[in-house]
Amino acid sequence: MFHPVQAFSFKKTCYGVYLLLWVLASGLHHASAALNSCSRDTGTGGAFLSAGDSQQVSIPTVQVQTDIPSLYKILDGFFPVGAAIWKGDITGPHSELLRKHFNSITTENAMKMGVLQPSEGTFDFTTADELVRFARANLMLVRGHTLVWHKQNPPWVFKDSGGNALRPTRENRALLLGRLEKHIRAVVSHYKGEVYAWDVVNEAVDPEQPDGFRRSPWLEIIGPEYIETAFRIAHEASPGAKLYINEYDTTNQAKRAFLLKLVRDLKRRGVPIDGVGHQMHNRVDYPSTAAITETLEMFSELGVGNQITELDISVYRNSTDSYPAVPEGVIFEQGYRYRELFQTLRRLKGKVSSVTFWGLADDHTWLKSFPIVRRDLPLLFDEQLQAKPAYWGIVDPSRLPTAAGVRQRNGAAR
């Protein structure tokens, strides 16, 4: 339930118009969900937030439930449970929710290259340091995300001193390799002993390409060696950190085949890769738990670890539908999907060393603006930070309605 309002400072983003319309339609308590609507660059070039570009909006506060089990304590003995967070999650009710249910964090955007090194040689660790200090004060693990990605890079990184786009020449290859090395050494050294695991390379695989490699500027200018280089430098900078290659849609057979081949080759050549990060941006109907099990066991058989790094379950079955209000039956169906997934992960004990949700609650999720602007509620806690059927599907499935009840609710919604 809502309580007296508190002042909340939010940043203007490239989705400002969307934020305004959404607030008018849905109420100010949804505004915080749009704060990082650029949290995943959707291919339009992204937008970086300026430190002083803020304004005050009053939004209602909420009460966190204190009489329900702690999620991470329920899963103790299986794996730590994390959430991707931003600065707004470490104060107020969001901080309470985070501390009660999670014992690991990932910085949603604060450790990406465009944020940490906005201009060449100038690093800004301010926000990332604040999140790491919060984690340390609350005895939480920290996953670093991400060192090398084809998105959310600063404009200078793929340009020469004259501001011209780098072309694939020998000189530019050496230039970009040098930039890659300096960035990774600086960042990983800065967090040595505090970040226990890194997503070193993010989304490097494209099954549409004959060789399986995404055609990013990193690949086109340096070649596939950029992957090996990134892992070796990260290991040199922090030998005790666990190093992961992070990828989405790893249950896709074609993509999985390329990723398996890549990881097998890296291991064969002695590259210090510890495991695969499976993002797991799932839907209520996809992928199957059988496909998830098969995928995790395949990589385990290679002798590398598995972590679930960006988990959420969209209430949609495709990229075009949009609910004005998400049907109750769909929310219960999502609860069953989470139940099935975590039953699977428990059965795979020892083969999955961490599970991280891509967000804390439904008031702040990238899926409200990707793949289209629509209302999506993919996480365990709702927009008022209250436990959903998704939470109970993991913690106490007996709290879910019967399958017949779900079908009845879905039928009524139609």
Protein backbone atom coordinates (compact mmCIF):
# COMPACT_ATOMS: atom_id res chain seq x y z
CA MET A 1 0.00 0.00 0.00
CA PHE A 2 1.11 3.58 -0.62
CA HIS A 3 2.42 5.95 2.02
CA PRO A 4 3.37 9.63 2.08
CA VAL A 5 5.36 10.71 -0.94
CA GLN A 6 9.06 11.16 -0.98
CA ALA A 7 11.17 13.18 -3.38
CA PHE A 8 12.78 11.07 -6.05
CA SER A 9 15.39 12.39 -8.45
CA PHE A 10 15.40 10.87 -11.88
CA LYS A 11 17.40 11.35 -15.03
CA LYS A 12 16.04 12.51 -18.36
CA THR A 13 16.58 9.78 -20.92
CA CYS A 14 15.99 9.15 -24.60
CA TYR A 15 12.62 7.79 -23.54
CA GLY A 16 11.44 11.05 -21.98
CA VAL A 17 8.30 11.23 -24.08
CA TYR A 18 7.47 7.64 -23.24
CA LEU A 19 8.01 8.37 -19.55
CA LEU A 20 5.62 11.32 -19.65
CA LEU A 21 2.90 9.39 -21.44
CA TRP A 22 3.35 6.37 -19.21
CA VAL A 23 3.16 8.41 -16.03
CA LEU A 24 -0.01 10.14 -17.21
CA ALA A 25 -1.58 6.81 -18.08
CA SER A 26 -0.38 4.69 -15.21
CA GLY A 27 0.41 6.91 -12.24
CA LEU A 28 3.62 8.41 -10.91
CA HIS A 29 4.57 5.29 -9.01
CA HIS A 30 5.58 3.72 -12.34
CA ALA A 31 8.02 6.49 -13.19
CA SER A 32 11.06 4.83 -11.67
CA ALA A 33 10.74 1.95 -14.12
CA ALA A 34 11.60 4.27 -16.97
CA LEU A 35 14.67 5.75 -15.33
CA ASN A 36 16.95 3.27 -17.02
CA SER A 37 14.88 2.53 -20.07
CA CYS A 38 18.18 2.82 -21.87
CA SER A 39 19.56 0.10 -19.58
CA ARG A 40 19.92 -2.09 -22.63
CA ASP A 41 20.80 -0.19 -25.79
CA THR A 42 18.30 -1.32 -28.43
CA GLY A 43 20.53 -0.50 -31.36
CA THR A 44 19.64 3.17 -31.75
CA GLY A 45 22.98 4.34 -30.47
CA GLY A 46 22.08 4.54 -26.81
CA ALA A 47 22.15 7.53 -24.52
CA PHE A 48 24.51 8.23 -21.67
CA LEU A 49 23.11 10.02 -18.64
CA SER A 50 24.77 13.21 -17.45
CA ALA A 51 25.35 13.62 -13.74
CA GLY A 52 23.61 16.98 -13.47
CA ASP A 53 20.66 16.33 -15.76
CA SER A 54 17.99 15.66 -13.19
CA GLN A 55 14.72 16.94 -11.88
CA GLN A 56 12.56 16.24 -8.88
CA VAL A 57 9.35 14.25 -9.03
CA SER A 58 7.37 13.15 -6.01
CA ILE A 59 6.41 9.49 -6.11
CA PRO A 60 4.75 7.42 -3.40
CA THR A 61 6.88 5.16 -1.23
CA VAL A 62 5.96 1.56 -0.52
CA GLN A 63 6.33 -0.89 2.32
CA VAL A 64 8.43 -4.00 1.82
CA GLN A 65 6.92 -7.20 3.15
CA THR A 66 8.87 -8.31 6.19
CA ASP A 67 6.80 -11.42 6.99
CA ILE A 68 7.76 -13.51 3.95
CA PRO A 69 10.81 -15.79 3.55
CA SER A 70 14.08 -14.41 2.24
CA LEU A 71 14.63 -15.63 -1.32
CA TYR A 72 18.37 -16.08 -0.99
CA LYS A 73 18.00 -17.94 2.32
CA ILE A 74 15.48 -20.33 0.76
CA LEU A 75 18.03 -21.07 -1.99
CA ASP A 76 21.03 -21.24 0.33
CA GLY A 77 22.99 -24.37 -0.44
CA PHE A 78 22.19 -24.16 -4.15
CA PHE A 79 23.58 -20.82 -5.36
CA PRO A 80 23.70 -17.13 -4.42
CA VAL A 81 20.81 -15.06 -5.76
CA GLY A 82 21.53 -11.70 -7.36
CA ALA A 83 19.81 -8.72 -8.92
CA ALA A 84 21.00 -6.22 -11.49
CA ILE A 85 20.79 -2.86 -9.77
CA TRP A 86 21.23 0.85 -10.33
CA LYS A 87 21.78 3.70 -7.89
CA GLY A 88 18.07 4.00 -7.08
CA ASP A 89 18.07 0.49 -5.63
CA ILE A 90 20.43 1.20 -2.73
CA THR A 91 18.22 3.63 -0.81
CA GLY A 92 14.69 3.52 0.56
CA PRO A 93 12.29 0.59 0.10
CA HIS A 94 14.22 -0.79 -2.86
CA SER A 95 17.26 -1.12 -0.63
CA GLU A 96 15.17 -2.98 1.94
CA LEU A 97 13.88 -5.38 -0.70
CA LEU A 98 17.38 -5.91 -2.06
CA ARG A 99 18.91 -6.63 1.34
CA LYS A 100 16.14 -9.00 2.37
CA HIS A 101 16.04 -11.20 -0.73
CA PHE A 102 19.39 -11.02 -2.53
CA ASN A 103 23.00 -11.73 -1.59
CA SER A 104 24.64 -10.80 -4.87
CA ILE A 105 24.46 -7.84 -7.24
CA THR A 106 25.35 -7.00 -10.81
CA THR A 107 25.76 -3.37 -11.82
CA GLU A 108 23.13 -2.91 -14.51
CA ASN A 109 24.95 -0.16 -16.41
CA ALA A 110 27.55 1.37 -14.12
CA MET A 111 30.45 -0.86 -15.21
CA LYS A 112 29.87 -0.66 -18.95
CA MET A 113 32.57 1.00 -21.00
CA GLY A 114 30.52 4.03 -22.02
CA VAL A 115 29.91 4.89 -18.38
CA LEU A 116 33.34 4.08 -16.95
CA GLN A 117 35.50 5.67 -19.67
CA PRO A 118 33.41 8.36 -21.39
CA SER A 119 36.52 9.94 -22.87
CA GLU A 120 39.78 8.22 -23.65
CA GLY A 121 41.93 7.77 -20.57
CA THR A 122 39.41 9.43 -18.25
CA PHE A 123 37.68 6.98 -15.93
CA ASP A 124 34.65 7.68 -13.77
CA PHE A 125 34.11 4.97 -11.14
CA THR A 126 31.81 7.09 -8.98
CA THR A 127 28.52 5.25 -9.41
CA ALA A 128 30.03 1.79 -9.70
CA ASP A 129 32.07 2.38 -6.54
CA GLU A 130 28.92 3.40 -4.67
CA LEU A 131 27.15 0.19 -5.67
CA VAL A 132 30.17 -1.92 -4.73
CA ARG A 133 30.40 -0.20 -1.33
CA PHE A 134 26.74 -1.00 -0.72
CA ALA A 135 27.35 -4.64 -1.61
CA ARG A 136 30.39 -4.85 0.65
CA ALA A 137 28.54 -3.25 3.56
CA ASN A 138 25.75 -5.80 3.18
CA LEU A 139 28.00 -8.85 2.64
CA MET A 140 26.89 -9.29 -0.97
CA LEU A 141 28.85 -10.73 -3.86
CA VAL A 142 29.50 -8.51 -6.89
CA ARG A 143 29.45 -9.59 -10.54
CA GLY A 144 31.09 -7.20 -13.01
CA HIS A 145 29.16 -6.47 -16.19
CA THR A 146 30.63 -6.07 -18.80
CA LEU A 147 34.14 -5.51 -20.15
CA VAL A 148 33.64 -5.98 -23.90
CA TRP A 149 30.33 -5.52 -25.72
CA HIS A 150 29.24 -4.24 -29.10
CA LYS A 151 26.81 -1.77 -27.47
CA GLN A 152 26.97 1.08 -24.96
CA ASN A 153 30.53 1.97 -25.89
CA PRO A 154 31.80 5.57 -25.76
CA PRO A 155 31.88 7.23 -29.20
CA TRP A 156 35.66 7.65 -29.21
CA VAL A 157 36.57 3.98 -28.92
CA PHE A 158 36.03 3.13 -32.59
CA LYS A 159 37.40 6.43 -33.95
CA ASP A 160 40.90 7.68 -34.73
CA SER A 161 42.45 10.85 -33.37
CA GLY A 162 40.78 12.82 -36.14
CA GLY A 163 37.32 11.58 -35.23
CA ASN A 164 37.09 9.26 -38.24
CA ALA A 165 35.62 5.77 -37.93
CA LEU A 166 38.29 3.10 -37.61
CA ARG A 167 38.71 0.92 -40.64
CA PRO A 168 40.17 -2.61 -40.50
CA THR A 169 43.87 -1.83 -41.05
CA ARG A 170 46.97 -3.13 -39.31
CA GLU A 171 47.50 0.22 -37.60
CA ASN A 172 43.92 0.45 -36.38
CA ARG A 173 44.01 -3.13 -35.14
CA ALA A 174 46.99 -2.26 -32.95
CA LEU A 175 45.26 0.93 -31.80
CA LEU A 176 42.04 -0.84 -30.80
CA LEU A 177 43.88 -3.70 -29.11
CA GLY A 178 45.75 -1.12 -27.04
CA ARG A 179 42.51 0.58 -26.05
CA LEU A 180 40.95 -2.76 -25.15
CA GLU A 181 43.89 -3.73 -22.98
CA LYS A 182 44.09 -0.38 -21.18
CA HIS A 183 40.38 -0.40 -20.41
CA ILE A 184 40.28 -3.95 -19.08
CA ARG A 185 43.44 -3.55 -17.01
CA ALA A 186 42.21 -0.32 -15.46
CA VAL A 187 38.72 -1.57 -14.63
CA VAL A 188 39.55 -5.07 -13.44
CA SER A 189 42.52 -3.83 -11.38
CA HIS A 190 40.31 -1.17 -9.79
CA TYR A 191 37.90 -3.86 -8.55
CA LYS A 192 40.44 -6.57 -7.80
CA GLY A 193 39.32 -8.44 -4.71
CA GLU A 194 35.85 -6.87 -4.79
CA VAL A 195 34.33 -8.22 -8.00
CA TYR A 196 34.41 -12.01 -7.81
CA ALA A 197 33.21 -12.68 -11.37
CA TRP A 198 33.28 -10.78 -14.66
CA ASP A 199 31.23 -10.98 -17.82
CA VAL A 200 34.36 -10.47 -19.87
CA VAL A 201 32.87 -10.70 -23.37
CA ASN A 202 29.18 -10.13 -23.94
CA GLU A 203 27.11 -11.37 -26.90
CA ALA A 204 29.92 -12.31 -29.26
CA VAL A 205 28.00 -15.07 -31.09
CA ASP A 206 25.71 -14.68 -34.08
CA PRO A 207 24.37 -17.94 -35.53
CA GLU A 208 23.39 -16.14 -38.74
CA GLN A 209 27.06 -15.76 -39.62
CA PRO A 210 28.89 -18.68 -41.26
CA ASP A 211 31.65 -18.63 -38.63
CA GLY A 212 29.27 -17.87 -35.74
CA PHE A 213 30.89 -14.55 -34.75
CA ARG A 214 28.91 -11.34 -34.37
CA ARG A 215 30.07 -8.71 -36.84
CA SER A 216 30.93 -6.07 -34.27
CA PRO A 217 33.63 -3.42 -34.66
CA TRP A 218 35.74 -5.47 -32.24
CA LEU A 219 35.64 -8.41 -34.65
CA GLU A 220 35.92 -6.42 -37.87
CA ILE A 221 38.95 -4.41 -36.75
CA ILE A 222 40.79 -6.86 -34.48
CA GLY A 223 39.47 -10.26 -35.55
CA PRO A 224 38.20 -13.06 -33.27
CA GLU A 225 41.41 -12.75 -31.25
CA TYR A 226 39.80 -9.90 -29.31
CA ILE A 227 37.95 -12.52 -27.26
CA GLU A 228 41.06 -14.39 -26.19
CA THR A 229 42.89 -11.12 -25.54
CA ALA A 230 40.12 -9.85 -23.28
CA PHE A 231 40.16 -13.00 -21.14
CA ARG A 232 43.94 -13.10 -20.81
CA ILE A 233 44.17 -9.44 -19.78
CA ALA A 234 41.32 -9.77 -17.28
CA HIS A 235 43.03 -12.78 -15.71
CA GLU A 236 46.35 -10.95 -15.47
CA ALA A 237 44.63 -8.00 -13.79
CA SER A 238 42.76 -10.13 -11.25
CA PRO A 239 43.93 -13.76 -11.19
CA GLY A 240 41.38 -14.75 -8.55
CA ALA A 241 38.30 -13.52 -10.43
CA LYS A 242 36.03 -15.93 -12.28
CA LEU A 243 35.75 -15.05 -15.97
CA TYR A 244 32.66 -15.68 -18.10
CA ILE A 245 31.53 -15.29 -21.65
CA ASN A 246 27.96 -13.99 -21.46
CA GLU A 247 25.30 -14.76 -24.06
CA TYR A 248 21.56 -14.71 -24.64
CA ASP A 249 19.40 -17.42 -26.20
CA THR A 250 21.90 -20.16 -25.33
CA THR A 251 19.18 -22.81 -25.68
CA ASN A 252 18.92 -22.04 -29.39
CA GLN A 253 20.55 -25.07 -30.98
CA ALA A 254 22.44 -23.23 -33.72
CA LYS A 255 23.73 -20.56 -31.38
CA ARG A 256 24.58 -23.10 -28.71
CA ALA A 257 26.63 -25.12 -31.20
CA PHE A 258 28.77 -22.08 -32.08
CA LEU A 259 29.17 -21.15 -28.41
CA LEU A 260 30.18 -24.68 -27.47
CA LYS A 261 32.75 -24.68 -30.25
CA LEU A 262 34.12 -21.30 -29.15
CA VAL A 263 34.40 -22.26 -25.48
CA ARG A 264 35.95 -25.63 -26.34
CA ASP A 265 38.55 -23.88 -28.51
CA LEU A 266 39.36 -21.30 -25.85
CA LYS A 267 39.83 -24.05 -23.26
CA ARG A 268 42.00 -26.07 -25.63
CA ARG A 269 44.35 -23.11 -26.10
CA GLY A 270 44.63 -22.47 -22.38
CA VAL A 271 42.59 -19.26 -22.35
CA PRO A 272 41.50 -18.55 -18.74
CA ILE A 273 37.74 -18.85 -19.17
CA ASP A 274 35.85 -20.21 -16.15
CA GLY A 275 32.35 -20.49 -17.51
CA VAL A 276 29.37 -19.37 -19.52
CA GLY A 277 26.87 -16.76 -18.44
CA HIS A 278 23.41 -17.67 -19.69
CA GLN A 279 21.33 -14.50 -19.76
CA MET A 280 17.95 -16.32 -19.73
CA HIS A 281 15.68 -13.53 -20.94
CA ASN A 282 12.80 -15.99 -21.17
CA ARG A 283 9.10 -15.83 -22.02
CA VAL A 284 6.14 -17.54 -20.39
CA ASP A 285 6.20 -20.11 -23.20
CA TYR A 286 9.91 -20.38 -24.03
CA PRO A 287 12.36 -22.03 -23.62
CA SER A 288 11.41 -25.42 -22.24
CA THR A 289 13.01 -26.66 -19.04
CA ALA A 290 14.25 -29.64 -21.05
CA ALA A 291 16.18 -27.30 -23.35
CA ILE A 292 17.58 -25.41 -20.38
CA THR A 293 18.70 -28.63 -18.71
CA GLU A 294 20.31 -29.92 -21.89
CA THR A 295 22.18 -26.65 -22.43
CA LEU A 296 23.54 -26.36 -18.90
CA GLU A 297 24.65 -29.99 -18.88
CA MET A 298 26.42 -29.59 -22.24
CA PHE A 299 28.60 -26.77 -20.95
CA SER A 300 29.17 -28.52 -17.66
CA GLU A 301 30.52 -31.50 -19.60
CA LEU A 302 33.08 -29.18 -21.19
CA GLY A 303 34.50 -28.57 -17.73
CA VAL A 304 33.29 -24.99 -17.38
CA GLY A 305 30.83 -23.47 -14.95
CA ASN A 306 27.37 -22.05 -15.59
CA GLN A 307 25.80 -18.92 -14.19
CA ILE A 308 22.35 -17.51 -14.92
CA THR A 309 23.17 -13.84 -15.36
CA GLU A 310 20.15 -11.81 -16.53
CA LEU A 311 17.03 -13.76 -15.68
CA ASP A 312 13.55 -12.47 -16.33
CA ILE A 313 10.39 -14.05 -17.75
CA SER A 314 8.31 -11.83 -20.01
CA VAL A 315 4.53 -12.15 -19.74
CA TYR A 316 4.37 -12.17 -23.55
CA ARG A 317 4.78 -14.90 -26.13
CA ASN A 318 6.03 -12.67 -28.95
CA SER A 319 7.52 -9.25 -29.64
CA THR A 320 4.34 -7.55 -30.86
CA ASP A 321 1.50 -8.17 -28.39
CA SER A 322 0.72 -5.59 -25.73
CA TYR A 323 -1.65 -5.82 -22.77
CA PRO A 324 -3.36 -2.67 -21.46
CA ALA A 325 -3.46 -4.62 -18.20
CA VAL A 326 -1.69 -7.95 -17.83
CA PRO A 327 -4.32 -10.67 -17.20
CA GLU A 328 -4.24 -12.29 -13.78
CA GLY A 329 -4.08 -15.71 -15.39
CA VAL A 330 -0.87 -14.76 -17.21
CA ILE A 331 0.70 -13.63 -13.93
CA PHE A 332 -0.14 -17.02 -12.42
CA GLU A 333 1.19 -18.77 -15.50
CA GLN A 334 4.45 -16.87 -15.03
CA GLY A 335 4.52 -18.14 -11.45
CA TYR A 336 4.40 -21.71 -12.72
CA ARG A 337 7.18 -20.99 -15.20
CA TYR A 338 9.40 -19.73 -12.39
CA ARG A 339 8.47 -22.79 -10.33
CA GLU A 340 9.50 -25.14 -13.16
CA LEU A 341 12.72 -23.27 -13.84
CA PHE A 342 13.89 -23.29 -10.23
CA GLN A 343 12.92 -26.92 -9.76
CA THR A 344 15.22 -27.59 -12.72
CA LEU A 345 18.04 -25.47 -11.30
CA ARG A 346 17.77 -27.21 -7.94
CA ARG A 347 18.05 -30.59 -9.67
CA LEU A 348 21.21 -29.34 -11.37
CA LYS A 349 22.85 -28.51 -8.05
CA GLY A 350 26.58 -28.09 -8.49
CA LYS A 351 26.28 -27.22 -12.19
CA VAL A 352 24.94 -23.68 -11.70
CA SER A 353 26.92 -21.45 -9.34
CA SER A 354 24.83 -18.26 -9.39
CA VAL A 355 21.43 -16.94 -10.49
CA THR A 356 20.96 -13.21 -11.11
CA PHE A 357 17.68 -11.51 -12.02
CA TRP A 358 17.84 -8.62 -14.46
CA GLY A 359 16.23 -6.20 -12.09
CA LEU A 360 14.85 -5.98 -8.59
CA ALA A 361 11.13 -5.47 -9.22
CA ASP A 362 8.66 -4.75 -12.02
CA ASP A 363 8.86 -0.98 -11.53
CA HIS A 364 12.30 -1.01 -13.17
CA THR A 365 12.78 -3.37 -16.10
CA TRP A 366 14.27 -2.98 -19.56
CA LEU A 367 11.37 -5.01 -20.97
CA LYS A 368 9.06 -2.02 -20.63
CA SER A 369 10.84 -0.49 -23.61
CA PHE A 370 12.20 -3.53 -25.47
CA PRO A 371 11.42 -4.99 -27.97
CA ILE A 372 8.62 -2.40 -28.02
CA VAL A 373 7.15 -0.01 -25.49
CA ARG A 374 4.59 -2.05 -23.59
CA ARG A 375 3.68 -3.10 -20.09
CA ASP A 376 5.77 -6.08 -19.09
CA LEU A 377 6.06 -7.50 -15.58
CA PRO A 378 8.90 -10.03 -15.75
CA LEU A 379 10.30 -10.16 -12.20
CA LEU A 380 9.42 -11.64 -8.81
CA PHE A 381 8.14 -8.44 -7.18
CA ASP A 382 5.50 -6.12 -8.61
CA GLU A 383 5.58 -2.39 -9.24
CA GLN A 384 4.78 -1.76 -5.57
CA LEU A 385 7.60 -4.15 -4.52
CA GLN A 386 5.16 -6.84 -3.35
CA ALA A 387 5.75 -10.57 -3.85
CA LYS A 388 4.08 -11.99 -6.97
CA PRO A 389 3.11 -15.55 -7.86
CA ALA A 390 6.54 -15.62 -9.56
CA TYR A 391 8.13 -15.31 -6.10
CA TRP A 392 5.86 -17.94 -4.57
CA GLY A 393 6.56 -20.29 -7.47
CA ILE A 394 10.15 -20.43 -6.22
CA VAL A 395 9.66 -20.11 -2.47
CA ASP A 396 6.39 -22.00 -1.85
CA PRO A 397 4.61 -23.33 -4.95
CA SER A 398 1.67 -24.47 -2.81
CA ARG A 399 0.63 -20.81 -2.81
CA LEU A 400 -0.04 -20.94 -6.56
CA PRO A 401 -3.56 -21.65 -7.86
CA THR A 402 -4.31 -24.99 -9.48
CA ALA A 403 -3.61 -25.43 -13.18
CA ALA A 404 -7.37 -25.49 -13.77
CA GLY A 405 -7.66 -22.18 -11.96
CA VAL A 406 -4.98 -20.65 -14.19
CA ARG A 407 -6.75 -21.87 -17.31
CA GLN A 408 -10.02 -20.46 -16.04
CA ARG A 409 -8.46 -17.06 -15.37
CA ASN A 410 -6.78 -17.02 -18.77
CA GLY A 411 -10.08 -17.91 -20.42
CA ALA A 412 -11.87 -15.14 -18.57
CA ALA A 413 -9.19 -12.65 -19.67
CA ARG A 414 -9.84 -13.51 -23.30
